C-alpha atoms as a PDB file:
ATOM      1  CA  UNK A   1      15.579 -35.961 -10.117  1.00  0.00           C
ATOM      2  CA  UNK A   2      13.343 -38.681  -9.070  1.00  0.00           C
ATOM      3  CA  UNK A   3      14.283 -41.929  -8.999  1.00  0.00           C
ATOM      4  CA  UNK A   4      10.770 -43.146  -9.748  1.00  0.00           C
ATOM      5  CA  UNK A   5      10.298 -45.445 -12.624  1.00  0.00           C
ATOM      6  CA  UNK A   6       7.924 -44.393 -15.635  1.00  0.00           C
ATOM      7  CA  UNK A   7       5.372 -47.161 -16.254  1.00  0.00           C
ATOM      8  CA  UNK A   8       5.807 -48.575 -19.777  1.00  0.00           C
ATOM      9  CA  UNK A   9       3.862 -46.734 -22.680  1.00  0.00           C
ATOM     10  CA  UNK A  10       3.902 -43.166 -20.710  1.00  0.00           C
ATOM     11  CA  UNK A  11       6.453 -40.691 -21.798  1.00  0.00           C
ATOM     12  CA  UNK A  12       8.568 -38.929 -19.078  1.00  0.00           C
ATOM     13  CA  UNK A  13       6.882 -35.567 -18.215  1.00  0.00           C
ATOM     14  CA  UNK A  14       3.704 -36.106 -19.974  1.00  0.00           C
ATOM     15  CA  UNK A  15       0.450 -36.144 -17.990  1.00  0.00           C
ATOM     16  CA  UNK A  16      -1.864 -39.408 -17.976  1.00  0.00           C
ATOM     17  CA  UNK A  17      -4.856 -36.991 -17.878  1.00  0.00           C
ATOM     18  CA  UNK A  18      -3.872 -33.862 -19.697  1.00  0.00           C
ATOM     19  CA  UNK A  19      -7.419 -32.198 -19.523  1.00  0.00           C
ATOM     20  CA  UNK A  20      -7.427 -32.905 -15.801  1.00  0.00           C
ATOM     21  CA  UNK A  21     -10.445 -32.541 -13.404  1.00  0.00           C
ATOM     22  CA  UNK A  22     -13.023 -30.234 -14.896  1.00  0.00           C
ATOM     23  CA  UNK A  23     -13.152 -26.792 -13.230  1.00  0.00           C
ATOM     24  CA  UNK A  24     -15.968 -26.471 -10.724  1.00  0.00           C
ATOM     25  CA  UNK A  25     -16.433 -30.165  -9.971  1.00  0.00           C
ATOM     26  CA  UNK A  26     -14.760 -29.985  -6.486  1.00  0.00           C
ATOM     27  CA  UNK A  27     -16.355 -29.822  -3.223  1.00  0.00           C
ATOM     28  CA  UNK A  28     -15.756 -26.192  -2.632  1.00  0.00           C
ATOM     29  CA  UNK A  29     -17.462 -25.354  -5.998  1.00  0.00           C
ATOM     30  CA  UNK A  30     -20.639 -27.347  -4.986  1.00  0.00           C
ATOM     31  CA  UNK A  31     -20.870 -25.714  -1.652  1.00  0.00           C
ATOM     32  CA  UNK A  32     -20.405 -22.221  -3.275  1.00  0.00           C
ATOM     33  CA  UNK A  33     -23.192 -22.925  -5.713  1.00  0.00           C
ATOM     34  CA  UNK A  34     -25.528 -24.298  -3.130  1.00  0.00           C
ATOM     35  CA  UNK A  35     -24.942 -21.038  -0.970  1.00  0.00           C
ATOM     36  CA  UNK A  36     -25.156 -18.648  -4.265  1.00  0.00           C
ATOM     37  CA  UNK A  37     -28.715 -19.555  -4.844  1.00  0.00           C
ATOM     38  CA  UNK A  38     -29.771 -18.199  -1.437  1.00  0.00           C
ATOM     39  CA  UNK A  39     -27.746 -15.414  -1.577  1.00  0.00           C
ATOM     40  CA  UNK A  40     -30.504 -12.746  -2.476  1.00  0.00           C
ATOM     41  CA  UNK A  41     -32.719 -13.922   0.329  1.00  0.00           C
ATOM     42  CA  UNK A  42     -29.763 -13.692   2.927  1.00  0.00           C
ATOM     43  CA  UNK A  43     -28.952 -10.033   1.529  1.00  0.00           C
ATOM     44  CA  UNK A  44     -32.722  -9.346   2.168  1.00  0.00           C
ATOM     45  CA  UNK A  45     -32.852 -10.822   5.470  1.00  0.00           C
ATOM     46  CA  UNK A  46     -29.631  -8.758   6.561  1.00  0.00           C
ATOM     47  CA  UNK A  47     -31.190  -5.522   5.321  1.00  0.00           C
ATOM     48  CA  UNK A  48     -34.349  -6.204   7.280  1.00  0.00           C
ATOM     49  CA  UNK A  49     -32.367  -6.895  10.482  1.00  0.00           C
ATOM     50  CA  UNK A  50     -30.168  -3.727   9.972  1.00  0.00           C
ATOM     51  CA  UNK A  51     -33.378  -1.638   9.459  1.00  0.00           C
ATOM     52  CA  UNK A  52     -34.799  -3.219  12.650  1.00  0.00           C
ATOM     53  CA  UNK A  53     -31.816  -2.048  14.653  1.00  0.00           C
ATOM     54  CA  UNK A  54     -29.424  -5.127  14.330  1.00  0.00           C
ATOM     55  CA  UNK A  55     -26.158  -3.259  14.570  1.00  0.00           C
ATOM     56  CA  UNK A  56     -24.240  -6.407  13.357  1.00  0.00           C
ATOM     57  CA  UNK A  57     -26.382  -6.635  10.334  1.00  0.00           C
ATOM     58  CA  UNK A  58     -25.918  -3.199   9.488  1.00  0.00           C
ATOM     59  CA  UNK A  59     -22.021  -3.250  10.092  1.00  0.00           C
ATOM     60  CA  UNK A  60     -21.636  -6.265   7.854  1.00  0.00           C
ATOM     61  CA  UNK A  61     -23.653  -4.790   4.981  1.00  0.00           C
ATOM     62  CA  UNK A  62     -21.769  -1.527   5.171  1.00  0.00           C
ATOM     63  CA  UNK A  63     -18.383  -3.046   5.444  1.00  0.00           C
ATOM     64  CA  UNK A  64     -18.948  -5.050   2.471  1.00  0.00           C
ATOM     65  CA  UNK A  65     -20.731  -2.462   0.188  1.00  0.00           C
ATOM     66  CA  UNK A  66     -19.418   0.987   1.152  1.00  0.00           C
ATOM     67  CA  UNK A  67     -15.472   1.776   0.917  1.00  0.00           C
ATOM     68  CA  UNK A  68     -14.288   3.017   4.276  1.00  0.00           C
ATOM     69  CA  UNK A  69     -13.565   6.862   4.878  1.00  0.00           C
ATOM     70  CA  UNK A  70      -9.929   7.765   4.832  1.00  0.00           C
ATOM     71  CA  UNK A  71      -8.800  10.131   7.539  1.00  0.00           C
ATOM     72  CA  UNK A  72      -7.662  13.369   5.895  1.00  0.00           C
ATOM     73  CA  UNK A  73      -6.098  16.688   7.008  1.00  0.00           C
ATOM     74  CA  UNK A  74      -7.102  19.864   5.944  1.00  0.00           C
ATOM     75  CA  UNK A  75      -4.676  21.583   3.592  1.00  0.00           C
ATOM     76  CA  UNK A  76      -2.479  24.074   5.390  1.00  0.00           C
ATOM     77  CA  UNK A  77      -0.230  26.736   3.576  1.00  0.00           C
ATOM     78  CA  UNK A  78       2.949  27.429   5.337  1.00  0.00           C
ATOM     79  CA  UNK A  79       5.904  29.717   3.827  1.00  0.00           C
ATOM     80  CA  UNK A  80       9.364  28.466   5.103  1.00  0.00           C
ATOM     81  CA  UNK A  81      12.007  31.134   6.297  1.00  0.00           C
ATOM     82  CA  UNK A  82      14.861  31.717   4.009  1.00  0.00           C
ATOM     83  CA  UNK A  83      17.953  30.459   5.389  1.00  0.00           C
ATOM     84  CA  UNK A  84      19.208  27.076   6.460  1.00  0.00           C
ATOM     85  CA  UNK A  85      17.437  23.814   6.594  1.00  0.00           C
ATOM     86  CA  UNK A  86      17.723  23.863  10.183  1.00  0.00           C
ATOM     87  CA  UNK A  87      16.165  27.263  10.551  1.00  0.00           C
ATOM     88  CA  UNK A  88      13.276  25.649   8.205  1.00  0.00           C
ATOM     89  CA  UNK A  89      12.999  22.659  10.517  1.00  0.00           C
ATOM     90  CA  UNK A  90      12.546  24.796  13.588  1.00  0.00           C
ATOM     91  CA  UNK A  91       9.838  26.908  11.906  1.00  0.00           C
ATOM     92  CA  UNK A  92       8.011  23.518  11.112  1.00  0.00           C
ATOM     93  CA  UNK A  93       8.322  22.375  14.817  1.00  0.00           C
ATOM     94  CA  UNK A  94       7.210  25.780  15.982  1.00  0.00           C
ATOM     95  CA  UNK A  95       4.078  25.763  13.784  1.00  0.00           C
ATOM     96  CA  UNK A  96       3.004  22.356  15.105  1.00  0.00           C
ATOM     97  CA  UNK A  97       3.655  23.259  18.692  1.00  0.00           C
ATOM     98  CA  UNK A  98       1.426  26.404  17.990  1.00  0.00           C
ATOM     99  CA  UNK A  99      -1.222  24.270  16.295  1.00  0.00           C
ATOM    100  CA  UNK A 100      -0.911  25.995  13.193  1.00  0.00           C
ATOM    101  CA  UNK A 101       0.188  22.788  11.479  1.00  0.00           C
ATOM    102  CA  UNK A 102      -1.392  19.299  12.015  1.00  0.00           C
ATOM    103  CA  UNK A 103       1.295  17.083  13.223  1.00  0.00           C
ATOM    104  CA  UNK A 104       1.072  14.613  10.319  1.00  0.00           C
ATOM    105  CA  UNK A 105       1.757  17.554   7.833  1.00  0.00           C
ATOM    106  CA  UNK A 106       4.667  18.695  10.128  1.00  0.00           C
ATOM    107  CA  UNK A 107       6.125  15.186   9.970  1.00  0.00           C
ATOM    108  CA  UNK A 108       5.809  15.224   6.123  1.00  0.00           C
ATOM    109  CA  UNK A 109       7.329  18.460   5.889  1.00  0.00           C
ATOM    110  CA  UNK A 110      10.540  17.573   8.266  1.00  0.00           C
ATOM    111  CA  UNK A 111      10.952  14.370   6.227  1.00  0.00           C
ATOM    112  CA  UNK A 112      10.895  16.332   3.040  1.00  0.00           C
ATOM    113  CA  UNK A 113      13.455  18.641   4.667  1.00  0.00           C
ATOM    114  CA  UNK A 114      15.586  15.765   5.753  1.00  0.00           C
ATOM    115  CA  UNK A 115      15.574  14.352   2.081  1.00  0.00           C
ATOM    116  CA  UNK A 116      16.291  17.901   0.676  1.00  0.00           C
ATOM    117  CA  UNK A 117      19.332  17.964   3.172  1.00  0.00           C
ATOM    118  CA  UNK A 118      20.574  14.500   1.920  1.00  0.00           C
ATOM    119  CA  UNK A 119      20.091  15.431  -1.879  1.00  0.00           C
ATOM    120  CA  UNK A 120      21.872  18.898  -1.149  1.00  0.00           C
ATOM    121  CA  UNK A 121      24.960  16.910   0.660  1.00  0.00           C
ATOM    122  CA  UNK A 122      25.131  14.520  -2.538  1.00  0.00           C
ATOM    123  CA  UNK A 123      25.088  17.750  -4.804  1.00  0.00           C
ATOM    124  CA  UNK A 124      27.857  19.158  -2.701  1.00  0.00           C
ATOM    125  CA  UNK A 125      29.951  16.248  -2.463  1.00  0.00           C
ATOM    126  CA  UNK A 126      29.922  15.827  -6.205  1.00  0.00           C
ATOM    127  CA  UNK A 127      30.957  19.478  -6.704  1.00  0.00           C
ATOM    128  CA  UNK A 128      33.735  18.928  -4.406  1.00  0.00           C
ATOM    129  CA  UNK A 129      34.963  15.853  -6.004  1.00  0.00           C
ATOM    130  CA  UNK A 130      34.732  17.334  -9.433  1.00  0.00           C
ATOM    131  CA  UNK A 131      36.779  20.227  -8.266  1.00  0.00           C
ATOM    132  CA  UNK A 132      39.383  18.050  -6.775  1.00  0.00           C
ATOM    133  CA  UNK A 133      39.751  16.073 -10.065  1.00  0.00           C
ATOM    134  CA  UNK A 134      40.147  19.173 -12.133  1.00  0.00           C
ATOM    135  CA  UNK A 135      42.835  20.739  -9.448  1.00  0.00           C
ATOM    136  CA  UNK A 136      44.726  17.245  -9.984  1.00  0.00           C
ATOM    137  CA  UNK A 137      44.177  16.634 -13.511  1.00  0.00           C
ATOM    138  CA  UNK A 138      42.314  13.383 -12.878  1.00  0.00           C
ATOM    139  CA  UNK A 139      40.412  12.270 -15.496  1.00  0.00           C
ATOM    140  CA  UNK A 140      37.114  10.545 -15.180  1.00  0.00           C
END
């Protein structure tokens, strides 16, 4: 709490200027308004400069108007061998090493196998605990 005294006639917590300063009345708004009227001419000049070979102008126009391209990998199908998760992980690593699978896709597949291993472990632990509880007649 503040120890400031409230002037007489003013209710504590009530603004003396409830409407506040009007929006757009600040210095930044005035500068933006002054610039805004020249934007079409600035854009036209940038386009002319870009067409004349100005790489900086071309880059500025392209960066501000066209979304950047995202790198993507070609979809690759892979059949994992039956067996343990370790065997499947080795198959993924072999496919990366031979160039049959992109490193990014291989990393994603290995991460998925790791997550699957954790889920399998949790399921197995749950089953073992349930079996122990049934064997010792512990009620949940």
